[in-house]
Protein backbone atom coordinates (compact mmCIF):
# COMPACT_ATOMS: atom_id res chain seq x y z
CA MET A 1 -18.16 6.59 8.68
CA SER A 2 -20.33 6.51 5.75
CA LEU A 3 -19.89 4.29 2.81
CA LEU A 4 -19.39 7.56 0.59
CA SER A 5 -16.58 8.57 2.92
CA HIS A 6 -14.86 5.39 2.35
CA VAL A 7 -15.47 5.51 -1.38
CA GLN A 8 -14.23 9.12 -1.81
CA ALA A 9 -10.96 7.98 0.18
CA ILE A 10 -10.34 4.98 -1.95
CA LEU A 11 -11.03 6.97 -5.12
CA ALA A 12 -8.66 10.03 -3.88
CA LEU A 13 -5.78 7.62 -2.75
CA PRO A 14 -5.11 4.15 -4.05
CA VAL A 15 -7.19 4.45 -7.19
CA MET A 16 -5.31 7.67 -8.24
CA VAL A 17 -1.98 6.25 -7.17
CA THR A 18 -2.34 2.95 -8.64
CA ILE A 19 -4.69 3.15 -11.56
CA VAL A 20 -5.03 6.89 -12.86
CA ILE A 21 -1.35 8.25 -12.64
CA PRO A 22 0.13 4.86 -13.93
CA GLY A 23 -2.62 5.05 -16.61
CA VAL A 24 -1.46 8.62 -17.60
CA ILE A 25 2.16 7.71 -17.44
CA ILE A 26 1.81 4.44 -19.86
CA LEU A 27 -0.32 6.75 -22.30
CA THR A 28 2.07 9.52 -22.42
CA THR A 29 5.46 7.48 -22.40
CA GLN A 30 4.25 4.56 -24.20
CA SER A 31 7.07 2.60 -21.98
CA VAL A 32 5.40 -0.83 -22.40
CA ASN A 33 7.38 -4.10 -23.00
CA ILE A 34 5.17 -7.18 -22.11
CA GLY A 35 7.38 -10.14 -21.56
CA TRP A 36 10.46 -7.86 -21.43
CA SER A 37 11.70 -9.19 -24.68
CA LEU A 38 12.31 -12.66 -23.32
CA PRO A 39 12.34 -15.76 -25.03
CA ALA A 40 9.15 -17.92 -24.99
CA PRO A 41 8.41 -19.65 -22.81
CA ILE A 42 10.22 -17.60 -19.99
CA ASN A 43 8.63 -14.30 -21.25
CA GLY A 44 5.41 -15.26 -19.40
CA LEU A 45 7.39 -14.90 -16.13
CA PRO A 46 7.09 -11.31 -15.84
CA LEU A 47 3.29 -11.60 -16.42
CA LEU A 48 2.76 -14.16 -13.68
CA ILE A 49 4.93 -12.23 -11.30
CA GLY A 50 3.30 -9.02 -11.91
CA ALA A 51 0.00 -10.51 -11.57
CA LEU A 52 0.81 -12.08 -8.12
CA LEU A 53 2.21 -8.66 -6.87
CA ILE A 54 -1.08 -6.97 -7.79
CA GLY A 55 -3.10 -9.74 -6.32
CA LEU A 56 -1.22 -9.27 -2.94
CA GLY A 57 -1.54 -5.57 -3.08
CA LEU A 58 -5.18 -5.55 -3.87
CA LEU A 59 -5.79 -8.05 -0.87
CA LEU A 60 -3.73 -6.05 1.57
CA ILE A 61 -5.78 -2.80 0.46
CA VAL A 62 -9.10 -4.72 0.88
CA LYS A 63 -8.05 -6.10 4.35
CA THR A 64 -6.72 -2.60 5.41
CA VAL A 65 -9.81 -0.76 4.17
CA ALA A 66 -12.08 -3.31 6.07
CA LEU A 67 -10.26 -2.88 9.44
CA PHE A 68 -10.21 0.79 9.24
CA ALA A 69 -14.07 0.71 8.87
CA THR A 70 -14.85 -1.91 11.38
CA VAL A 71 -12.42 -1.42 14.02
CA GLY A 72 -10.77 1.86 13.59
CA GLN A 73 -14.14 3.40 12.88
CA GLY A 74 -12.51 5.88 9.87
CA THR A 75 -11.19 5.63 6.53
CA LEU A 76 -7.58 5.24 5.23
CA ALA A 77 -7.76 8.92 4.43
CA PRO A 78 -5.88 11.32 6.88
CA TRP A 79 -8.87 13.84 6.55
CA SER A 80 -11.19 11.12 7.96
CA ALA A 81 -8.64 9.26 9.80
CA THR A 82 -9.79 6.22 12.21
CA ARG A 83 -10.68 7.14 15.63
CA ILE A 84 -9.28 3.84 17.17
CA LEU A 85 -5.87 2.37 16.97
CA VAL A 86 -5.87 -0.71 14.66
CA VAL A 87 -3.62 -3.32 15.60
CA GLN A 88 -5.56 -6.29 14.59
CA GLY A 89 -5.29 -8.75 11.24
CA VAL A 90 -2.48 -7.61 8.89
CA TYR A 91 -1.58 -4.85 11.37
CA ARG A 92 -0.21 -7.65 14.07
CA TYR A 93 2.54 -8.17 11.43
CA VAL A 94 3.54 -4.86 9.90
CA ARG A 95 2.67 -1.41 10.59
CA ASN A 96 1.96 -0.26 7.23
CA PRO A 97 0.19 -2.96 5.22
CA MET A 98 -1.81 -0.23 3.24
CA ILE A 99 1.30 1.32 1.71
CA SER A 100 2.62 -2.20 1.09
CA GLY A 101 -0.27 -2.97 -0.87
CA VAL A 102 0.07 0.05 -2.81
CA GLY A 103 3.85 -0.65 -3.44
CA ALA A 104 3.09 -4.19 -4.41
CA ILE A 105 0.64 -3.11 -7.04
CA LEU A 106 2.73 -0.34 -8.42
CA LEU A 107 5.66 -2.83 -8.50
CA GLY A 108 3.56 -5.36 -10.13
CA GLU A 109 2.22 -3.11 -12.68
CA ALA A 110 6.00 -2.17 -13.69
CA VAL A 111 6.77 -5.71 -13.91
CA LEU A 112 3.72 -7.00 -15.73
CA LEU A 113 3.83 -4.25 -18.24
CA GLY A 114 7.76 -4.13 -18.40
CA SER A 115 7.71 -0.29 -17.92
CA ARG A 116 10.66 1.61 -16.60
CA SER A 117 8.49 4.47 -16.35
CA LEU A 118 6.08 2.79 -14.18
CA LEU A 119 8.96 1.46 -11.92
CA THR A 120 10.28 5.13 -11.57
CA TRP A 121 6.79 5.96 -10.24
CA PHE A 122 7.14 3.14 -7.86
CA GLY A 123 10.59 4.39 -6.72
CA LEU A 124 9.26 7.77 -6.19
CA GLY A 125 6.05 6.54 -4.34
CA ALA A 126 8.44 4.43 -2.03
CA LEU A 127 10.70 7.56 -1.46
CA VAL A 128 8.02 9.82 -0.49
CA ASN A 129 6.85 7.24 1.95
CA LEU A 130 10.19 6.73 3.36
CA ILE A 131 10.21 10.12 4.43
CA TYR A 132 6.42 10.99 5.01
CA ILE A 133 5.60 8.01 7.14
CA PRO A 134 8.07 8.13 9.89
CA PHE A 135 8.59 11.98 10.18
CA ILE A 136 4.89 12.98 9.68
CA GLU A 137 2.46 9.88 9.99
CA GLU A 138 3.87 8.28 12.99
CA VAL A 139 4.49 11.69 14.84
CA GLY A 140 0.72 12.31 14.21
CA LEU A 141 -0.23 8.97 15.45
CA GLU A 142 1.90 9.06 18.64
CA GLN A 143 -0.01 12.32 19.16
CA ARG A 144 -3.50 10.79 18.80
CA PHE A 145 -2.91 7.42 20.20
CA GLY A 146 -0.15 8.06 22.91
CA SER A 147 1.38 4.90 24.64
CA ALA A 148 -0.47 2.56 22.90
CA TYR A 149 1.07 3.55 19.44
CA SER A 150 4.36 3.84 21.06
CA ASP A 151 4.09 0.23 22.43
CA TYR A 152 2.77 -1.12 18.97
CA LYS A 153 5.63 0.88 17.24
CA ARG A 154 8.30 -0.84 19.23
CA HIS A 155 6.85 -4.32 18.64
CA VAL A 156 5.76 -4.28 14.94
CA PRO A 157 7.97 -3.62 12.21
CA ARG A 158 7.18 -0.36 9.69
CA TRP A 159 8.13 -2.22 6.22
CA ILE A 160 9.12 -5.94 6.79
CA PRO A 161 6.58 -7.99 8.58
CA ARG A 162 7.18 -10.04 11.70
CA ARG A 163 7.04 -13.81 11.35
CA THR A 164 4.73 -14.00 14.19
CA PRO A 165 1.73 -12.02 15.05
CA TRP A 166 2.22 -9.44 17.71
CA THR A 167 -0.34 -10.16 20.49
CA GLY A 168 -0.07 -6.98 22.43
CA GLY A 169 -2.32 -4.21 22.37
């Protein structure tokens, strides 16, 4: 996969979902309450929690994009998907670290900015993924990777990480 393919996928998916759409939501709703109207000094707590969530989300996205490129020989985008099943790194703990990363960023933005509109966007994204991943994405992965994906799916949870890394595969 070319660098251009990776950049296009990143711009089309996580950048659109975590930066462009939230930016439009904030500009159109103006629903920002930084510090949540809490008294000092606890009004800094939402900023800290939001920043930590965003940092965790960025870390997960960077790690998954790197694994898709180096191990999977593909991108995060369905139109240029990986050719090899990725079961290394963060994928040894949880099956959907990219979506977890995006979710952490969206939740972090909502907390950091004190925005109910962004919290709604996070909830909508979670709902879409709760339907899309098990009924469409995982079906496609089972068709592409067969028993290797089925075995992986049996041992690695979809959303909540394992305590220890899965060593199969």
